[in-house]
Protein backbone atom coordinates (compact mmCIF):
# COMPACT_ATOMS: atom_id res chain seq x y z
CA MET A 1 20.09 -6.00 35.42
CA GLU A 2 19.84 -2.23 35.13
CA GLY A 3 23.41 -1.95 33.87
CA GLY A 4 22.85 -4.78 31.36
CA ARG A 5 19.78 -3.05 29.93
CA LYS A 6 21.65 0.23 29.58
CA GLY A 7 24.61 -1.47 27.88
CA ASN A 8 22.33 -3.25 25.44
CA THR A 9 20.48 0.00 24.64
CA ASN A 10 23.80 1.73 23.95
CA ARG A 11 24.83 -1.14 21.67
CA ILE A 12 21.62 -0.85 19.64
CA GLN A 13 22.05 2.92 19.41
CA MET A 14 25.59 2.45 18.11
CA ILE A 15 24.41 -0.08 15.54
CA GLU A 16 21.61 2.18 14.35
CA ASN A 17 23.87 5.24 14.14
CA LYS A 18 26.90 3.62 12.48
CA GLY A 19 25.15 0.80 10.61
CA GLU A 20 27.68 -1.74 11.98
CA TYR A 21 25.34 -4.72 11.96
CA ARG A 22 24.65 -6.20 8.51
CA MET A 23 21.93 -8.70 7.78
CA HIS A 24 20.89 -11.14 5.10
CA ILE A 25 17.15 -10.59 4.70
CA LEU A 26 14.94 -13.05 2.84
CA TYR A 27 11.67 -11.39 1.78
CA LEU A 28 8.95 -13.80 0.58
CA GLU A 29 6.34 -11.68 -1.24
CA HIS A 30 4.43 -13.46 -3.99
CA TYR A 31 3.24 -10.23 -5.67
CA ALA A 32 6.32 -8.05 -5.19
CA GLY A 33 7.09 -5.63 -8.00
CA SER A 34 9.57 -2.83 -8.57
CA ASP A 35 10.04 0.44 -10.41
CA ARG A 36 10.77 -1.74 -13.43
CA HIS A 37 7.68 -3.95 -13.16
CA GLY A 38 5.04 -1.92 -11.37
CA MET A 39 2.96 -2.79 -8.35
CA GLU A 40 3.37 -3.72 -5.72
CA TYR A 41 6.14 -1.36 -4.70
CA ARG A 42 6.41 -1.62 -0.90
CA PRO A 43 8.83 -4.60 -0.74
CA PHE A 44 11.14 -2.95 -3.28
CA TYR A 45 11.11 0.41 -1.51
CA MET A 46 11.90 -1.25 1.82
CA ALA A 47 14.57 -3.57 0.39
CA ARG A 48 16.33 -0.83 -1.57
CA ARG A 49 16.85 1.16 1.61
CA TRP A 50 18.06 -1.86 3.57
CA VAL A 51 20.61 -2.51 0.82
CA ARG A 52 21.81 1.08 1.19
CA SER A 53 22.31 0.34 4.89
CA GLY A 54 24.62 -2.51 3.88
CA ASP A 55 22.19 -5.44 4.14
CA ASP A 56 21.82 -8.22 1.56
CA VAL A 57 18.19 -8.59 0.48
CA THR A 58 16.60 -11.28 -1.67
CA ILE A 59 12.97 -10.81 -2.70
CA VAL A 60 11.27 -14.05 -3.73
CA ALA A 61 8.24 -13.46 -5.96
CA SER A 62 6.09 -15.24 -8.53
CA SER A 63 6.81 -14.51 -12.18
CA PHE A 64 3.13 -13.66 -12.67
CA SER A 65 1.03 -11.18 -10.70
CA HIS A 66 -2.21 -9.54 -11.81
CA MET A 67 -1.05 -6.30 -10.18
CA ARG A 68 2.14 -5.74 -12.17
CA GLY A 69 2.24 -3.68 -15.31
CA LYS A 70 5.07 -5.88 -16.60
CA ASN A 71 5.86 -9.43 -15.49
CA PRO A 72 9.36 -10.91 -15.92
CA GLU A 73 10.01 -13.33 -18.77
CA LEU A 74 11.49 -16.63 -17.63
CA GLY A 75 11.66 -18.26 -21.07
CA GLY A 76 10.30 -21.59 -19.87
CA ARG A 77 12.74 -21.84 -16.95
CA PRO A 78 11.40 -22.73 -13.47
CA TYR A 79 13.17 -19.73 -11.91
CA ALA A 80 15.31 -16.69 -12.74
CA GLU A 81 17.46 -14.14 -10.89
CA GLU A 82 17.50 -10.40 -11.47
CA TRP A 83 19.22 -7.49 -9.73
CA ILE A 84 17.43 -4.15 -9.41
CA ASP A 85 19.11 -1.26 -7.58
CA GLY A 86 21.15 -3.69 -5.49
CA VAL A 87 18.14 -5.86 -4.57
CA ARG A 88 18.30 -9.49 -5.67
CA TYR A 89 15.04 -10.84 -7.10
CA PHE A 90 14.41 -14.57 -7.33
CA TRP A 91 11.47 -15.15 -9.68
CA ILE A 92 9.55 -18.42 -9.40
CA LYS A 93 7.67 -19.57 -12.50
CA GLY A 94 3.93 -19.01 -11.99
CA PRO A 95 0.97 -19.65 -14.30
CA CYS A 96 -1.14 -16.76 -15.57
CA TYR A 97 -4.65 -16.28 -14.19
CA GLN A 98 -7.60 -13.91 -14.22
CA GLY A 99 -9.89 -13.11 -11.32
CA ASN A 100 -9.96 -15.01 -8.03
CA GLY A 101 -10.84 -18.51 -9.19
CA TRP A 102 -8.88 -21.75 -9.49
CA GLY A 103 -6.32 -20.12 -11.74
CA ARG A 104 -5.19 -17.86 -8.94
CA ILE A 105 -5.12 -20.76 -6.48
CA ARG A 106 -2.88 -22.72 -8.88
CA ASN A 107 -0.63 -19.68 -9.08
CA ILE A 108 -0.42 -19.53 -5.27
CA LEU A 109 0.40 -23.24 -5.02
CA SER A 110 3.07 -22.96 -7.71
CA TYR A 111 4.77 -20.21 -5.72
CA LEU A 112 4.74 -22.13 -2.45
CA ARG A 113 5.99 -25.27 -4.18
CA GLY A 114 8.73 -23.25 -5.85
CA VAL A 115 9.96 -21.79 -2.55
CA TYR A 116 10.30 -25.31 -1.14
CA ARG A 117 11.98 -26.76 -4.23
CA GLN A 118 14.34 -23.88 -4.93
CA GLN A 119 15.33 -23.14 -1.36
CA GLU A 120 19.06 -23.75 -1.87
CA ARG A 121 19.18 -21.61 -5.02
CA ILE A 122 17.17 -18.87 -3.28
CA LEU A 123 19.65 -18.69 -0.41
CA ALA A 124 22.70 -19.00 -2.70
CA GLY A 125 24.86 -20.22 0.16
CA LYS A 126 23.98 -17.33 2.49
CA LYS A 127 22.51 -18.01 5.91
CA PRO A 128 19.50 -15.69 6.44
CA ASP A 129 19.29 -13.56 9.54
CA VAL A 130 15.65 -12.58 8.92
CA VAL A 131 12.88 -14.30 6.96
CA ILE A 132 9.80 -12.20 6.15
CA ALA A 133 6.54 -13.89 5.12
CA SER A 134 4.66 -11.11 3.35
CA SER A 135 2.29 -12.41 0.66
CA THR A 136 -1.31 -11.19 0.83
CA TYR A 137 -2.42 -14.68 1.78
CA PRO A 138 -0.85 -16.25 4.92
CA LEU A 139 0.28 -19.59 3.47
CA ASP A 140 3.86 -18.52 2.89
CA ILE A 141 4.38 -18.73 6.65
CA TYR A 142 5.05 -22.46 6.16
CA PRO A 143 8.12 -22.28 3.89
CA ALA A 144 9.24 -19.13 5.75
CA ARG A 145 9.16 -20.90 9.11
CA ARG A 146 10.92 -23.95 7.73
CA ILE A 147 13.82 -21.80 6.49
CA ALA A 148 13.91 -19.68 9.66
CA LYS A 149 14.03 -22.77 11.92
CA LYS A 150 16.75 -24.45 9.85
CA TYR A 151 19.06 -21.44 10.04
CA GLY A 152 18.06 -19.91 13.38
CA ALA A 153 16.73 -16.80 11.66
CA GLN A 154 14.20 -14.32 12.96
CA LEU A 155 10.71 -14.88 11.52
CA VAL A 156 8.57 -11.83 10.72
CA TYR A 157 5.02 -11.94 9.36
CA GLU A 158 4.05 -8.82 7.41
CA MET A 159 0.25 -8.55 7.25
CA HIS A 160 -1.23 -6.64 4.29
CA ASP A 161 -4.85 -7.81 4.48
CA LEU A 162 -6.67 -9.86 7.08
CA TRP A 163 -7.09 -13.32 5.59
CA PRO A 164 -9.43 -15.16 5.73
CA LEU A 165 -11.56 -12.25 6.95
CA SER A 166 -11.13 -10.40 3.64
CA PRO A 167 -12.53 -13.14 1.35
CA MET A 168 -15.27 -13.80 3.92
CA GLU A 169 -16.48 -10.22 4.36
CA LEU A 170 -15.67 -8.89 0.89
CA GLY A 171 -16.14 -12.07 -1.14
CA GLY A 172 -18.98 -13.67 0.80
CA MET A 173 -17.19 -16.99 1.39
CA GLY A 174 -18.56 -19.11 4.21
CA LYS A 175 -16.79 -19.71 7.50
CA TYR A 176 -16.59 -23.48 6.90
CA HIS A 177 -15.49 -23.38 3.26
CA PRO A 178 -12.37 -25.61 2.97
CA PHE A 179 -10.33 -22.70 1.60
CA ILE A 180 -11.37 -20.47 4.52
CA LEU A 181 -10.57 -23.18 7.07
CA ALA A 182 -7.08 -23.57 5.58
CA MET A 183 -6.52 -19.81 5.58
CA GLN A 184 -7.72 -19.52 9.18
CA LYS A 185 -5.25 -22.14 10.38
CA ALA A 186 -2.46 -20.40 8.45
CA GLU A 187 -3.37 -17.01 9.92
CA ASN A 188 -3.33 -18.41 13.45
CA ASP A 189 0.04 -20.05 12.77
CA CYS A 190 1.42 -16.71 11.52
CA TYR A 191 0.57 -15.03 14.80
CA ARG A 192 1.82 -17.89 16.99
CA TRP A 193 5.06 -18.70 15.19
CA SER A 194 6.34 -15.27 14.17
CA ASP A 195 8.79 -13.37 16.34
CA TYR A 196 7.11 -10.11 15.25
CA VAL A 197 4.02 -9.21 13.24
CA VAL A 198 4.28 -6.08 11.09
CA SER A 199 0.81 -4.77 10.25
CA LEU A 200 -0.19 -2.25 7.58
CA LEU A 201 -3.47 -1.79 9.47
CA PRO A 202 -3.28 0.24 12.70
CA LYS A 203 -6.30 -1.26 14.44
CA ALA A 204 -5.66 -4.97 13.81
CA LYS A 205 -3.87 -5.78 17.07
CA GLU A 206 -6.97 -6.90 18.99
CA HIS A 207 -7.99 -9.25 16.18
CA MET A 208 -4.51 -10.75 16.05
CA VAL A 209 -4.35 -11.28 19.81
CA ALA A 210 -7.71 -13.05 19.62
CA HIS A 211 -6.15 -15.44 17.10
CA GLY A 212 -3.10 -16.33 19.15
CA MET A 213 -0.61 -13.46 18.86
CA ALA A 214 1.25 -12.26 21.94
CA ALA A 215 0.48 -8.53 22.25
CA GLY A 216 4.17 -7.55 22.33
CA LYS A 217 4.74 -8.86 18.80
CA PHE A 218 2.58 -6.21 17.11
CA VAL A 219 4.30 -3.45 15.10
CA TYR A 220 2.37 -0.96 12.95
CA ILE A 221 4.23 0.12 9.79
CA PRO A 222 1.91 1.62 7.15
CA ASN A 223 2.44 2.23 3.44
CA GLY A 224 4.38 5.29 2.44
CA VAL A 225 5.79 7.57 -0.22
CA ILE A 226 9.18 8.35 -1.76
CA ARG A 227 10.23 11.92 -0.91
CA THR A 228 12.35 12.31 -4.05
CA ASP A 229 9.36 11.52 -6.28
CA TRP A 230 7.97 14.85 -5.13
CA GLY A 231 11.09 16.96 -5.36
CA ARG A 232 11.94 16.55 -9.01
CA GLU A 233 12.04 19.62 -11.19
CA GLU A 234 9.51 19.19 -13.96
CA THR A 235 11.20 19.36 -17.36
CA ALA A 236 8.14 18.44 -19.41
CA ALA A 237 4.70 19.99 -19.59
CA PRO A 238 2.38 18.63 -16.85
CA PRO A 239 -0.29 16.17 -18.00
CA TYR A 240 -3.43 17.90 -19.28
CA GLY A 241 -1.78 21.26 -18.63
CA ASP A 242 -3.83 23.05 -21.30
CA TYR A 243 -7.05 21.64 -19.86
CA PHE A 244 -6.25 22.84 -16.33
CA GLN A 245 -5.12 26.27 -17.48
CA ARG A 246 -8.29 26.75 -19.50
CA ALA A 247 -10.58 25.51 -16.72
CA HIS A 248 -8.96 27.71 -14.09
CA ALA A 249 -9.07 30.72 -16.41
CA GLN A 250 -12.83 30.12 -16.69
CA GLY A 251 -13.15 30.16 -12.91
CA TRP A 252 -13.60 26.43 -12.25
CA PHE A 253 -12.69 24.97 -8.86
CA LEU A 254 -11.31 21.51 -9.68
CA ILE A 255 -11.57 18.57 -7.29
CA GLY A 256 -9.70 15.50 -8.50
CA TYR A 257 -9.81 11.77 -8.08
CA THR A 258 -6.87 9.80 -9.48
CA GLY A 259 -6.44 6.05 -9.63
CA ALA A 260 -8.40 2.87 -10.16
CA HIS A 261 -12.00 3.02 -11.31
CA GLY A 262 -13.26 -0.08 -9.53
CA VAL A 263 -16.28 -1.07 -7.48
CA ALA A 264 -14.37 -0.59 -4.21
CA ASN A 265 -13.61 3.04 -5.07
CA ALA A 266 -17.28 4.03 -4.77
CA LEU A 267 -17.19 6.50 -7.66
CA ASP A 268 -20.96 6.44 -8.25
CA SER A 269 -21.40 8.98 -5.46
CA PHE A 270 -18.64 11.09 -7.01
CA VAL A 271 -20.55 11.21 -10.32
CA GLU A 272 -23.94 11.68 -8.64
CA ALA A 273 -22.63 14.64 -6.65
CA GLY A 274 -22.50 16.45 -9.98
CA LYS A 275 -26.30 16.81 -9.84
CA GLU A 276 -26.00 18.68 -6.54
CA LEU A 277 -23.31 20.94 -8.01
CA ARG A 278 -25.23 22.13 -11.07
CA GLY A 279 -25.06 25.89 -11.39
CA THR A 280 -21.77 26.12 -9.47
CA LYS A 281 -18.24 26.55 -10.79
CA ILE A 282 -17.13 23.35 -9.09
CA ARG A 283 -16.03 20.45 -11.28
CA LEU A 284 -15.23 16.90 -10.20
CA VAL A 285 -12.55 15.27 -12.36
CA MET A 286 -11.74 11.54 -12.49
CA VAL A 287 -8.38 10.46 -13.92
CA GLY A 288 -7.58 6.78 -14.27
CA ARG A 289 -8.64 3.43 -15.63
CA GLY A 290 -10.46 0.35 -14.41
CA PRO A 291 -13.40 -1.99 -14.93
CA GLU A 292 -15.98 0.63 -13.89
CA ARG A 293 -14.69 3.45 -16.09
CA ASP A 294 -16.92 2.88 -19.15
CA ARG A 295 -20.04 2.52 -17.02
CA LEU A 296 -19.22 5.68 -15.06
CA MET A 297 -18.62 7.67 -18.25
CA LYS A 298 -21.99 6.52 -19.53
CA LYS A 299 -23.57 7.52 -16.21
CA ILE A 300 -22.14 11.04 -16.57
CA GLN A 301 -23.98 11.32 -19.88
CA GLU A 302 -27.22 9.79 -18.57
CA LEU A 303 -27.35 12.17 -15.59
CA GLY A 304 -26.49 15.14 -17.77
CA VAL A 305 -23.71 16.30 -15.47
CA GLN A 306 -20.98 16.76 -18.11
CA GLU A 307 -20.50 20.37 -17.01
CA ASN A 308 -19.65 19.43 -13.42
CA VAL A 309 -18.13 15.94 -13.79
CA GLU A 310 -15.40 14.95 -16.22
CA ALA A 311 -13.37 11.80 -16.87
CA LEU A 312 -9.82 11.96 -18.23
CA PRO A 313 -7.60 9.01 -19.27
CA ALA A 314 -4.99 7.65 -16.88
CA VAL A 315 -1.45 9.03 -16.71
CA GLU A 316 1.81 7.24 -15.91
CA LYS A 317 2.88 6.83 -12.28
CA GLU A 318 5.76 9.28 -12.61
CA GLN A 319 3.33 11.96 -13.82
CA ILE A 320 1.12 11.77 -10.73
CA PRO A 321 2.88 14.53 -8.73
CA ALA A 322 2.61 16.99 -11.64
CA LEU A 323 -1.03 16.01 -12.21
CA LEU A 324 -2.05 16.43 -8.57
CA SER A 325 -0.35 19.81 -8.33
CA GLN A 326 -2.89 21.26 -10.78
CA PHE A 327 -6.02 20.45 -8.74
CA ASP A 328 -7.52 22.76 -6.12
CA ALA A 329 -8.50 19.83 -3.87
CA LEU A 330 -8.53 16.04 -4.01
CA TYR A 331 -11.02 13.30 -3.19
CA ILE A 332 -10.71 9.72 -1.97
CA GLY A 333 -13.61 7.38 -1.25
CA LEU A 334 -14.17 3.72 -0.51
CA GLN A 335 -17.22 1.56 -0.19
CA ARG A 336 -18.55 1.16 3.33
CA GLN A 337 -17.10 -2.15 4.51
CA PRO A 338 -17.02 -3.64 8.03
CA LEU A 339 -13.47 -4.82 7.29
CA PHE A 340 -12.24 -1.23 7.36
CA ARG A 341 -12.79 -1.15 11.13
CA PHE A 342 -9.19 -2.37 11.36
CA GLY A 343 -7.99 0.72 9.51
CA VAL A 344 -6.87 1.53 5.98
CA SER A 345 -3.51 2.48 4.47
CA PRO A 346 -4.24 3.75 0.92
CA ASN A 347 -1.25 4.86 -1.15
CA LYS A 348 -3.50 7.27 -3.01
CA LEU A 349 -4.23 9.27 0.14
CA MET A 350 -0.53 9.59 0.91
CA ASP A 351 0.09 10.85 -2.62
CA TYR A 352 -2.65 13.43 -2.11
CA MET A 353 -1.14 14.61 1.15
CA MET A 354 2.36 14.76 -0.32
CA ALA A 355 0.93 16.98 -3.07
CA ALA A 356 0.08 19.47 -0.28
CA LYS A 357 -3.55 19.67 -1.39
CA PRO A 358 -6.62 19.68 0.90
CA VAL A 359 -8.47 16.36 0.86
CA ILE A 360 -12.09 15.25 1.02
CA PHE A 361 -12.00 11.86 2.76
CA ALA A 362 -15.10 9.70 2.20
CA VAL A 363 -14.06 6.57 4.05
CA GLU A 364 -15.47 4.96 7.19
CA ALA A 365 -12.52 3.25 8.86
CA GLY A 366 -10.77 2.65 12.16
CA ASN A 367 -8.33 5.44 11.32
CA ASP A 368 -8.59 8.80 9.56
CA LEU A 369 -5.31 10.35 8.44
CA VAL A 370 -7.08 13.47 7.16
CA ALA A 371 -8.54 14.20 10.59
CA GLU A 372 -5.26 13.32 12.33
CA ALA A 373 -3.29 15.67 10.10
CA GLY A 374 -5.99 18.37 9.89
CA CYS A 375 -5.62 18.46 6.11
CA GLY A 376 -9.22 18.44 4.88
CA PHE A 377 -12.78 17.31 5.49
CA SER A 378 -14.02 13.83 6.43
CA ILE A 379 -17.50 12.78 5.25
CA PRO A 380 -19.58 9.57 5.22
CA PRO A 381 -18.79 7.19 2.33
CA GLU A 382 -21.10 6.70 -0.67
CA ASP A 383 -23.05 9.89 0.10
CA SER A 384 -23.31 12.16 -2.93
CA ARG A 385 -25.05 14.95 -1.01
CA ALA A 386 -22.38 14.99 1.70
CA LEU A 387 -19.74 15.09 -1.01
CA ALA A 388 -21.40 18.01 -2.77
CA LEU A 389 -21.67 19.92 0.52
CA ALA A 390 -18.00 19.24 1.28
CA ALA A 391 -17.07 20.40 -2.22
CA ARG A 392 -18.98 23.66 -1.74
CA ARG A 393 -17.37 24.15 1.66
CA MET A 394 -13.92 23.48 0.22
CA ALA A 395 -14.45 25.91 -2.66
CA ALA A 396 -15.59 28.57 -0.19
CA THR A 397 -12.51 28.13 2.01
CA PRO A 398 -9.98 30.93 1.41
CA LEU A 399 -6.86 29.90 -0.49
CA PRO A 400 -4.44 30.63 2.39
CA GLU A 401 -6.43 28.28 4.65
CA ARG A 402 -6.50 25.56 1.98
CA GLU A 403 -2.75 25.93 1.57
CA LYS A 404 -2.26 25.48 5.32
CA MET A 405 -4.38 22.32 5.19
CA GLY A 406 -2.21 20.99 2.39
CA GLU A 407 1.03 21.79 4.17
CA ARG A 408 -0.18 20.06 7.33
CA GLY A 409 -0.91 16.94 5.28
CA ARG A 410 2.51 16.97 3.64
CA ALA A 411 4.30 17.50 6.96
CA TYR A 412 2.37 14.58 8.48
CA ILE A 413 3.38 12.20 5.69
CA LEU A 414 7.04 13.22 5.76
CA GLN A 415 7.15 12.61 9.49
CA ASN A 416 5.21 9.35 9.55
CA ASN A 417 5.01 7.76 6.11
CA GLU A 418 8.17 8.46 4.12
CA TYR A 419 9.96 5.24 3.17
CA ASP A 420 13.26 6.34 4.72
CA VAL A 421 11.37 6.57 8.02
CA LEU A 422 9.38 3.37 7.49
CA SER A 423 12.34 1.25 6.36
CA GLU A 424 14.33 2.26 9.44
CA ARG A 425 11.36 1.43 11.64
CA PHE A 426 11.13 -1.99 9.96
CA ARG A 427 14.89 -2.53 10.31
CA GLY A 428 14.51 -1.67 13.98
CA VAL A 429 12.28 -4.74 14.29
CA PHE A 430 15.15 -6.91 13.04
CA LEU A 431 17.58 -5.29 15.49
CA ARG A 432 15.09 -5.75 18.30
CA GLY A 433 15.09 -9.46 17.48
CA LYS A 434 18.88 -9.66 17.42
CA PHE A 435 19.43 -7.46 20.47
CA PRO A 436 16.36 -7.81 22.71
CA PRO A 437 16.12 -5.64 25.84
CA ALA A 438 17.82 -7.23 28.84
């Protein structure tokens, strides 16, 4: 037995080093995007790296997602194929929707129906080695399992959000609502049927075990960043370069927030902290767009904090590194939610840390990357006074110390959250399934 285990370990090491084993990976992710379409990026970033390792990857997604900046045009066809950086996309025709009502449910059902109906075209004659069920909701476990069983493929459930807990705790839906009951059964089936469960949330294991998952199936693989996005030489002027130069010349210490202006981002406390910062040379700057933006801009005027709080229009994704580099420190906050006890994996925070800037972290969650990395200050969420105190403390911190904080954050992300690292960790799950320990 000992010799068998050693031989199997050596075999896996050889495969990982030389990339000898090639797989056909089927990635079911309703909302998947790409660099061409916009959010969400994670499936594309993972798949692109697997393709570079020699794997064949097909991402199956709906033609409509509320998260994408650009949705594919199918021209009335029920499906379409597209190749992006070696990754094959199979788009399933989906109706447009707004919000979280019946329109979105119809969109979900159209996707699931399309996966069943177009299965042969999706596979294109290739037997899958791995089938990943990865949509935000858990219902795609059913077509995923059907395909995996038919072809003897490994079945992996990738959990983004805890459904139905998310619509219950965030949306107020009742435990016995028919939709919740259906989601609960699907979630339990995900944990029971999958060979492995890949979780974006670090503290979700106990919940999953309570719903039927064997503890050994759990694998934590968070969101990440692309190293090369942060190593490009800037050929154009950075966004708002004149504004930052002028503000710094006037002695302002600039703390930035970049991204969505939504209810969940708890930006009221960010604006209200401006009252506590009157008379200082500390300015809080919001850059982005979202449903709360107009109201927040009006609130800045009503509170009379224009000197210490400013709102700038959003910039393009590729401009984010150059934008972040101009701030003295960065801020991230979220509403206080019981759901965050399972941890959070915000892309924004990883961007901040990659920018090598100190961070003020106003999130109450099961994990705290800022504390783990030692790259800033952690404060209670939705607390304008705590934020103002942290801002004063940050501004009073000597520059060399702030630079060390930033470098610790960047080093942490490169070691733990770069997509080269994450994609290999994910691929290791597939190899573990093919070559289990003796």
